[in-house]
N, C-alpha and C. Protein backbone atom coordinates (compact mmCIF):
# COMPACT_ATOMS: atom_id res chain seq x y z
N MET A 1 -39.73 -32.88 29.93
CA MET A 1 -40.21 -31.72 29.26
C MET A 1 -40.01 -31.91 27.76
N ARG A 2 -41.05 -31.73 27.05
CA ARG A 2 -41.01 -31.92 25.61
C ARG A 2 -41.16 -30.60 24.89
N ILE A 3 -40.40 -30.49 23.81
CA ILE A 3 -40.55 -29.28 23.01
C ILE A 3 -41.56 -29.61 21.93
N THR A 4 -42.64 -28.88 22.02
CA THR A 4 -43.70 -29.17 21.06
C THR A 4 -43.61 -28.26 19.84
N SER A 5 -42.92 -27.15 19.96
CA SER A 5 -42.78 -26.28 18.80
C SER A 5 -41.30 -26.04 18.53
N GLY A 6 -40.97 -25.59 17.36
CA GLY A 6 -39.58 -25.37 16.97
C GLY A 6 -39.10 -23.97 17.27
N ARG A 7 -39.87 -23.20 18.02
CA ARG A 7 -39.49 -21.80 18.26
C ARG A 7 -38.18 -21.65 19.03
N PRO A 8 -37.92 -22.39 20.10
CA PRO A 8 -36.64 -22.21 20.79
C PRO A 8 -35.46 -22.61 19.91
N VAL A 9 -35.59 -23.61 19.08
CA VAL A 9 -34.50 -24.05 18.21
C VAL A 9 -34.23 -22.98 17.15
N VAL A 10 -35.28 -22.43 16.57
CA VAL A 10 -35.13 -21.38 15.56
C VAL A 10 -34.50 -20.14 16.19
N GLY A 11 -34.88 -19.84 17.41
CA GLY A 11 -34.30 -18.70 18.11
C GLY A 11 -32.81 -18.89 18.34
N LEU A 12 -32.43 -20.12 18.76
CA LEU A 12 -31.01 -20.39 18.97
C LEU A 12 -30.23 -20.33 17.66
N LEU A 13 -30.81 -20.85 16.59
CA LEU A 13 -30.14 -20.79 15.28
C LEU A 13 -30.00 -19.33 14.80
N ALA A 14 -31.03 -18.52 15.01
CA ALA A 14 -30.96 -17.11 14.62
C ALA A 14 -29.89 -16.38 15.43
N LEU A 15 -29.79 -16.69 16.72
CA LEU A 15 -28.78 -16.08 17.57
C LEU A 15 -27.37 -16.50 17.13
N ALA A 16 -27.19 -17.77 16.79
CA ALA A 16 -25.89 -18.26 16.33
C ALA A 16 -25.52 -17.61 14.99
N LEU A 17 -26.50 -17.49 14.10
CA LEU A 17 -26.25 -16.86 12.81
C LEU A 17 -25.89 -15.38 12.98
N ALA A 18 -26.54 -14.68 13.87
CA ALA A 18 -26.23 -13.28 14.13
C ALA A 18 -24.82 -13.13 14.72
N ALA A 19 -24.44 -14.04 15.63
CA ALA A 19 -23.09 -13.99 16.22
C ALA A 19 -22.04 -14.27 15.15
N LEU A 20 -22.30 -15.26 14.29
CA LEU A 20 -21.37 -15.56 13.21
C LEU A 20 -21.23 -14.38 12.25
N SER A 21 -22.32 -13.73 11.93
CA SER A 21 -22.30 -12.55 11.06
C SER A 21 -21.51 -11.41 11.71
N LEU A 22 -21.70 -11.23 13.01
CA LEU A 22 -20.97 -10.19 13.73
C LEU A 22 -19.47 -10.47 13.71
N LEU A 23 -19.08 -11.72 13.95
CA LEU A 23 -17.66 -12.08 13.93
C LEU A 23 -17.08 -11.90 12.53
N LEU A 24 -17.80 -12.27 11.52
CA LEU A 24 -17.34 -12.10 10.14
C LEU A 24 -17.17 -10.62 9.80
N ASN A 25 -18.07 -9.78 10.23
CA ASN A 25 -17.96 -8.34 9.99
C ASN A 25 -16.75 -7.75 10.70
N VAL A 26 -16.50 -8.18 11.94
CA VAL A 26 -15.33 -7.71 12.68
C VAL A 26 -14.05 -8.11 11.94
N TYR A 27 -14.00 -9.34 11.45
CA TYR A 27 -12.83 -9.82 10.70
C TYR A 27 -12.62 -9.01 9.43
N LEU A 28 -13.69 -8.74 8.67
CA LEU A 28 -13.57 -7.97 7.44
C LEU A 28 -13.13 -6.53 7.70
N ILE A 29 -13.66 -5.94 8.75
CA ILE A 29 -13.23 -4.57 9.10
C ILE A 29 -11.76 -4.58 9.49
N TRP A 30 -11.33 -5.60 10.22
CA TRP A 30 -9.92 -5.71 10.60
C TRP A 30 -9.03 -5.83 9.35
N GLN A 31 -9.47 -6.61 8.36
CA GLN A 31 -8.71 -6.76 7.12
C GLN A 31 -8.67 -5.46 6.33
N LEU A 32 -9.73 -4.68 6.36
CA LEU A 32 -9.79 -3.45 5.59
C LEU A 32 -9.00 -2.31 6.21
N ARG A 33 -8.42 -2.54 7.40
CA ARG A 33 -7.57 -1.51 8.00
C ARG A 33 -6.30 -1.35 7.19
N HIS A 34 -5.88 -2.37 6.45
CA HIS A 34 -4.70 -2.33 5.60
C HIS A 34 -5.11 -2.71 4.18
N PRO A 35 -5.79 -1.81 3.46
CA PRO A 35 -6.31 -2.18 2.14
C PRO A 35 -5.22 -2.45 1.11
N ALA A 36 -4.05 -1.81 1.24
CA ALA A 36 -3.00 -2.04 0.25
C ALA A 36 -2.49 -3.47 0.33
N ARG A 37 -2.32 -3.98 1.55
CA ARG A 37 -1.85 -5.36 1.73
C ARG A 37 -2.89 -6.34 1.19
N TRP A 38 -4.15 -6.07 1.49
CA TRP A 38 -5.23 -6.94 1.03
C TRP A 38 -5.33 -6.92 -0.49
N ALA A 39 -5.26 -5.73 -1.07
CA ALA A 39 -5.35 -5.60 -2.53
C ALA A 39 -4.13 -6.23 -3.20
N ASP A 40 -2.96 -6.08 -2.59
CA ASP A 40 -1.73 -6.67 -3.13
C ASP A 40 -1.86 -8.20 -3.17
N ARG A 41 -2.37 -8.77 -2.08
CA ARG A 41 -2.54 -10.22 -2.02
C ARG A 41 -3.56 -10.69 -3.07
N ALA A 42 -4.67 -9.95 -3.20
CA ALA A 42 -5.69 -10.32 -4.18
C ALA A 42 -5.15 -10.19 -5.60
N LEU A 43 -4.38 -9.14 -5.85
CA LEU A 43 -3.82 -8.94 -7.18
C LEU A 43 -2.79 -10.00 -7.53
N ARG A 44 -2.03 -10.45 -6.55
CA ARG A 44 -1.07 -11.54 -6.78
C ARG A 44 -1.79 -12.82 -7.18
N GLN A 45 -2.90 -13.09 -6.51
CA GLN A 45 -3.65 -14.31 -6.84
C GLN A 45 -4.26 -14.20 -8.24
N LEU A 46 -4.75 -13.01 -8.59
CA LEU A 46 -5.37 -12.84 -9.90
C LEU A 46 -4.35 -12.89 -11.03
N THR A 47 -3.17 -12.34 -10.81
CA THR A 47 -2.18 -12.23 -11.88
C THR A 47 -1.21 -13.39 -11.91
N GLY A 48 -1.18 -14.19 -10.88
CA GLY A 48 -0.26 -15.32 -10.85
C GLY A 48 1.17 -14.91 -10.57
N ALA A 49 1.37 -13.97 -9.68
CA ALA A 49 2.73 -13.53 -9.33
C ALA A 49 3.47 -14.67 -8.64
N ASP A 50 4.81 -14.69 -8.79
CA ASP A 50 5.60 -15.76 -8.19
C ASP A 50 5.86 -15.49 -6.71
N SER A 51 6.71 -16.33 -6.10
CA SER A 51 6.95 -16.23 -4.66
C SER A 51 7.66 -14.93 -4.27
N THR A 52 8.36 -14.29 -5.22
CA THR A 52 9.00 -13.02 -4.92
C THR A 52 8.02 -11.86 -5.04
N GLY A 53 6.81 -12.15 -5.50
CA GLY A 53 5.81 -11.10 -5.63
C GLY A 53 5.88 -10.38 -6.96
N LEU A 54 6.60 -10.93 -7.92
CA LEU A 54 6.77 -10.28 -9.22
C LEU A 54 5.98 -10.99 -10.30
N ILE A 55 5.42 -10.22 -11.20
CA ILE A 55 4.77 -10.76 -12.39
C ILE A 55 5.81 -10.69 -13.50
N HIS A 56 6.07 -11.81 -14.15
CA HIS A 56 7.03 -11.87 -15.25
C HIS A 56 6.26 -11.92 -16.55
N TYR A 57 6.61 -11.00 -17.46
CA TYR A 57 5.95 -10.95 -18.76
C TYR A 57 6.99 -10.52 -19.80
N THR A 58 6.90 -11.07 -21.00
CA THR A 58 7.82 -10.72 -22.07
C THR A 58 7.03 -10.08 -23.20
N VAL A 59 7.43 -8.87 -23.58
CA VAL A 59 6.82 -8.17 -24.70
C VAL A 59 7.61 -8.55 -25.95
N ARG A 60 6.91 -9.02 -26.96
CA ARG A 60 7.56 -9.43 -28.21
C ARG A 60 7.17 -8.46 -29.32
N ILE A 61 8.19 -7.91 -29.99
CA ILE A 61 7.98 -6.98 -31.10
C ILE A 61 8.47 -7.68 -32.37
N PRO A 62 7.57 -7.93 -33.32
CA PRO A 62 7.99 -8.66 -34.53
C PRO A 62 8.84 -7.78 -35.46
N PRO A 63 9.60 -8.42 -36.38
CA PRO A 63 10.40 -7.63 -37.32
C PRO A 63 9.51 -6.82 -38.25
N GLY A 64 10.01 -5.63 -38.62
CA GLY A 64 9.25 -4.76 -39.52
C GLY A 64 8.31 -3.82 -38.79
N THR A 65 8.29 -3.86 -37.47
CA THR A 65 7.41 -2.98 -36.70
C THR A 65 7.99 -1.56 -36.71
N PRO A 66 7.19 -0.55 -37.10
CA PRO A 66 7.71 0.81 -37.08
C PRO A 66 7.88 1.30 -35.63
N LEU A 67 9.01 1.95 -35.38
CA LEU A 67 9.28 2.54 -34.07
C LEU A 67 9.36 4.04 -34.23
N SER A 68 8.68 4.74 -33.37
CA SER A 68 8.72 6.20 -33.35
C SER A 68 8.90 6.61 -31.90
N LEU A 69 10.14 6.91 -31.55
CA LEU A 69 10.46 7.22 -30.16
C LEU A 69 11.01 8.63 -30.04
N ASP A 70 10.58 9.35 -29.02
CA ASP A 70 11.17 10.63 -28.64
C ASP A 70 11.88 10.40 -27.32
N ILE A 71 13.20 10.55 -27.32
CA ILE A 71 14.01 10.25 -26.15
C ILE A 71 14.52 11.56 -25.56
N PRO A 72 13.95 12.00 -24.43
CA PRO A 72 14.42 13.24 -23.82
C PRO A 72 15.74 13.01 -23.09
N VAL A 73 16.68 13.92 -23.28
CA VAL A 73 17.97 13.85 -22.60
C VAL A 73 18.15 15.15 -21.83
N HIS A 74 18.27 15.02 -20.53
CA HIS A 74 18.52 16.17 -19.65
C HIS A 74 19.71 15.79 -18.78
N GLU A 75 20.88 16.23 -19.18
CA GLU A 75 22.10 15.87 -18.46
C GLU A 75 22.89 17.12 -18.13
N LYS A 76 23.56 17.08 -16.99
CA LYS A 76 24.45 18.16 -16.59
C LYS A 76 25.85 17.58 -16.44
N PHE A 77 26.82 18.25 -17.05
CA PHE A 77 28.21 17.83 -16.99
C PHE A 77 29.06 18.98 -16.49
N ARG A 78 30.22 18.64 -15.99
CA ARG A 78 31.23 19.64 -15.66
C ARG A 78 32.49 19.22 -16.40
N ILE A 79 32.98 20.12 -17.25
CA ILE A 79 34.16 19.83 -18.06
C ILE A 79 35.33 20.61 -17.47
N GLY A 80 36.39 19.89 -17.15
CA GLY A 80 37.58 20.52 -16.60
C GLY A 80 38.44 21.12 -17.71
N VAL A 81 38.83 22.37 -17.52
CA VAL A 81 39.71 23.05 -18.46
C VAL A 81 41.00 23.39 -17.73
N ASP A 82 42.12 22.92 -18.27
CA ASP A 82 43.43 23.21 -17.69
C ASP A 82 44.37 23.48 -18.87
N THR A 83 44.56 24.76 -19.18
CA THR A 83 45.34 25.13 -20.36
C THR A 83 46.04 26.47 -20.11
N VAL A 84 46.87 26.84 -21.04
CA VAL A 84 47.55 28.14 -21.02
C VAL A 84 47.14 28.87 -22.28
N PHE A 85 46.65 30.09 -22.11
CA PHE A 85 46.19 30.89 -23.23
C PHE A 85 47.27 31.92 -23.56
N PRO A 86 47.97 31.76 -24.71
CA PRO A 86 49.04 32.72 -25.03
C PRO A 86 48.48 33.99 -25.67
N ILE A 87 49.07 35.12 -25.27
CA ILE A 87 48.68 36.41 -25.85
C ILE A 87 49.95 37.03 -26.44
N ASP A 88 49.88 37.37 -27.71
CA ASP A 88 51.00 38.02 -28.41
C ASP A 88 50.38 39.04 -29.36
N THR A 89 50.33 40.29 -28.92
CA THR A 89 49.67 41.32 -29.72
C THR A 89 50.33 42.67 -29.48
N ARG A 90 49.90 43.66 -30.21
CA ARG A 90 50.35 45.04 -30.02
C ARG A 90 49.12 45.91 -29.85
N VAL A 91 49.23 46.83 -28.93
CA VAL A 91 48.14 47.75 -28.65
C VAL A 91 48.62 49.16 -28.95
N ARG A 92 47.86 49.93 -29.69
CA ARG A 92 48.21 51.33 -30.00
C ARG A 92 47.61 52.21 -28.92
N VAL A 93 48.52 52.87 -28.17
CA VAL A 93 48.12 53.66 -27.00
C VAL A 93 48.37 55.14 -27.31
N PRO A 94 47.34 56.01 -27.15
CA PRO A 94 47.57 57.45 -27.35
C PRO A 94 48.22 58.07 -26.11
N ILE A 95 49.22 58.93 -26.32
CA ILE A 95 49.87 59.67 -25.23
C ILE A 95 49.64 61.16 -25.50
N HIS A 96 48.95 61.79 -24.59
CA HIS A 96 48.63 63.21 -24.73
C HIS A 96 49.73 64.02 -24.05
N GLY A 97 50.29 64.95 -24.77
CA GLY A 97 51.35 65.80 -24.23
C GLY A 97 51.12 67.25 -24.64
N PRO A 98 52.05 68.14 -24.22
CA PRO A 98 51.87 69.55 -24.53
C PRO A 98 52.01 69.84 -26.04
N LEU A 99 52.65 68.99 -26.76
CA LEU A 99 52.82 69.22 -28.20
C LEU A 99 51.76 68.49 -29.03
N GLY A 100 50.84 67.77 -28.36
CA GLY A 100 49.80 67.06 -29.09
C GLY A 100 49.72 65.60 -28.64
N THR A 101 49.09 64.83 -29.43
CA THR A 101 48.88 63.43 -29.11
C THR A 101 49.81 62.58 -29.97
N ALA A 102 50.52 61.69 -29.30
CA ALA A 102 51.39 60.76 -30.01
C ALA A 102 50.90 59.35 -29.75
N TYR A 103 50.95 58.51 -30.76
CA TYR A 103 50.51 57.13 -30.63
C TYR A 103 51.73 56.22 -30.58
N VAL A 104 51.72 55.34 -29.57
CA VAL A 104 52.84 54.44 -29.37
C VAL A 104 52.30 53.01 -29.42
N ASN A 105 52.98 52.12 -30.16
CA ASN A 105 52.61 50.71 -30.20
C ASN A 105 53.29 50.01 -29.03
N VAL A 106 52.47 49.40 -28.18
CA VAL A 106 52.97 48.70 -27.00
C VAL A 106 52.79 47.20 -27.24
N PRO A 107 53.88 46.44 -27.26
CA PRO A 107 53.74 44.99 -27.44
C PRO A 107 53.30 44.33 -26.13
N ILE A 108 52.40 43.35 -26.26
CA ILE A 108 51.93 42.59 -25.10
C ILE A 108 52.17 41.13 -25.39
N ARG A 109 53.01 40.54 -24.54
CA ARG A 109 53.28 39.11 -24.64
C ARG A 109 53.06 38.51 -23.26
N ALA A 110 52.14 37.55 -23.21
CA ALA A 110 51.83 36.94 -21.90
C ALA A 110 51.28 35.54 -22.13
N SER A 111 51.32 34.77 -21.08
CA SER A 111 50.69 33.45 -21.06
C SER A 111 49.76 33.43 -19.86
N VAL A 112 48.48 33.25 -20.13
CA VAL A 112 47.47 33.27 -19.06
C VAL A 112 47.03 31.83 -18.78
N PRO A 113 47.36 31.31 -17.58
CA PRO A 113 46.90 29.95 -17.26
C PRO A 113 45.41 29.97 -16.92
N ILE A 114 44.71 28.97 -17.43
CA ILE A 114 43.26 28.87 -17.17
C ILE A 114 43.00 27.49 -16.58
N ARG A 115 42.48 27.49 -15.37
CA ARG A 115 42.05 26.26 -14.68
C ARG A 115 40.65 26.51 -14.14
N THR A 116 39.70 25.81 -14.71
CA THR A 116 38.32 26.01 -14.26
C THR A 116 37.48 24.79 -14.60
N GLN A 117 36.29 24.78 -14.08
CA GLN A 117 35.28 23.76 -14.41
C GLN A 117 34.16 24.48 -15.15
N VAL A 118 33.90 24.05 -16.36
CA VAL A 118 32.87 24.67 -17.18
C VAL A 118 31.61 23.81 -17.11
N PRO A 119 30.49 24.39 -16.63
CA PRO A 119 29.25 23.60 -16.59
C PRO A 119 28.64 23.50 -18.00
N LEU A 120 28.16 22.31 -18.31
CA LEU A 120 27.53 22.07 -19.60
C LEU A 120 26.22 21.34 -19.33
N GLU A 121 25.15 21.88 -19.87
CA GLU A 121 23.84 21.27 -19.69
C GLU A 121 23.26 20.93 -21.05
N VAL A 122 22.84 19.68 -21.21
CA VAL A 122 22.27 19.22 -22.48
C VAL A 122 20.78 18.95 -22.24
N ASN A 123 19.94 19.71 -22.91
CA ASN A 123 18.50 19.52 -22.88
C ASN A 123 18.05 19.36 -24.33
N HIS A 124 17.79 18.13 -24.71
CA HIS A 124 17.43 17.87 -26.09
C HIS A 124 16.56 16.62 -26.16
N THR A 125 15.70 16.57 -27.13
CA THR A 125 14.89 15.38 -27.36
C THR A 125 15.33 14.77 -28.69
N PHE A 126 15.87 13.56 -28.59
CA PHE A 126 16.29 12.85 -29.79
C PHE A 126 15.10 12.09 -30.35
N GLN A 127 14.89 12.23 -31.65
CA GLN A 127 13.77 11.55 -32.30
C GLN A 127 14.31 10.35 -33.06
N LEU A 128 13.77 9.20 -32.75
CA LEU A 128 14.18 7.95 -33.41
C LEU A 128 13.00 7.44 -34.22
N ARG A 129 13.17 7.38 -35.54
CA ARG A 129 12.14 6.89 -36.44
C ARG A 129 12.77 5.76 -37.27
N THR A 130 12.34 4.53 -37.05
CA THR A 130 12.94 3.40 -37.75
C THR A 130 11.96 2.23 -37.75
N ARG A 131 12.40 1.12 -38.31
CA ARG A 131 11.65 -0.14 -38.29
C ARG A 131 12.58 -1.20 -37.72
N THR A 132 11.98 -2.14 -37.00
CA THR A 132 12.80 -3.23 -36.45
C THR A 132 13.20 -4.17 -37.58
N THR A 133 14.43 -4.66 -37.50
CA THR A 133 14.91 -5.59 -38.53
C THR A 133 14.86 -7.03 -38.03
N ARG A 134 14.88 -7.19 -36.71
CA ARG A 134 14.82 -8.52 -36.09
C ARG A 134 13.77 -8.48 -35.00
N PRO A 135 13.29 -9.63 -34.56
CA PRO A 135 12.34 -9.62 -33.44
C PRO A 135 13.04 -9.14 -32.17
N ILE A 136 12.31 -8.40 -31.39
CA ILE A 136 12.84 -7.87 -30.12
C ILE A 136 11.99 -8.43 -29.00
N GLU A 137 12.64 -8.92 -27.95
CA GLU A 137 11.94 -9.41 -26.77
C GLU A 137 12.38 -8.57 -25.58
N ILE A 138 11.39 -8.02 -24.88
CA ILE A 138 11.66 -7.17 -23.73
C ILE A 138 11.07 -7.84 -22.50
N PRO A 139 11.91 -8.37 -21.59
CA PRO A 139 11.38 -8.99 -20.38
C PRO A 139 10.98 -7.92 -19.36
N LEU A 140 9.82 -8.10 -18.76
CA LEU A 140 9.31 -7.16 -17.76
C LEU A 140 9.11 -7.89 -16.44
N GLN A 141 9.36 -7.19 -15.36
CA GLN A 141 9.05 -7.67 -14.02
C GLN A 141 8.26 -6.57 -13.33
N ILE A 142 7.06 -6.89 -12.92
CA ILE A 142 6.16 -5.89 -12.35
C ILE A 142 5.74 -6.34 -10.95
N ARG A 143 5.81 -5.43 -10.01
CA ARG A 143 5.28 -5.69 -8.66
C ARG A 143 3.81 -5.30 -8.67
N PRO A 144 2.92 -6.19 -8.28
CA PRO A 144 1.49 -5.85 -8.29
C PRO A 144 1.19 -4.62 -7.43
N GLY A 145 1.92 -4.44 -6.33
CA GLY A 145 1.67 -3.27 -5.49
C GLY A 145 1.97 -1.96 -6.19
N ASP A 146 2.91 -1.98 -7.16
CA ASP A 146 3.22 -0.77 -7.89
C ASP A 146 2.09 -0.35 -8.81
N LEU A 147 1.26 -1.29 -9.21
CA LEU A 147 0.11 -0.96 -10.05
C LEU A 147 -0.95 -0.22 -9.28
N LEU A 148 -0.93 -0.32 -7.96
CA LEU A 148 -1.95 0.32 -7.13
C LEU A 148 -1.57 1.76 -6.76
N ARG A 149 -0.32 2.11 -6.96
CA ARG A 149 0.13 3.45 -6.55
C ARG A 149 0.00 4.44 -7.64
């Protein structure tokens, strides 16, 4: 039996190409089920991340660069107070009687112990305005996955 036309061969090639396309689509859909992992891997290849998955970069600031920083500080402290508060005073007390009102000076001498925790909250923004005098190098380590979040 001789094949005189190429139709059966073309049909088989078209069928093989369709099956290959179907398998490739199934694989791509399977990969897209976890887009963060796929994007992380692609970003590592593009950025040249090392085996730990970190991109290492150093920011260099030359001398004479003006710096204008606002540094917010929001801190809560508890300060312990343990002291004795002395009181030494006189109080003028009126005494009402049948003959009128008489005023008597009453001395008060006492020591009041104070033991407590005083809460202190600092909410302030410190403004730093200066120029660098020497070069500054700031090493950075960035996870490519953190750029996607």
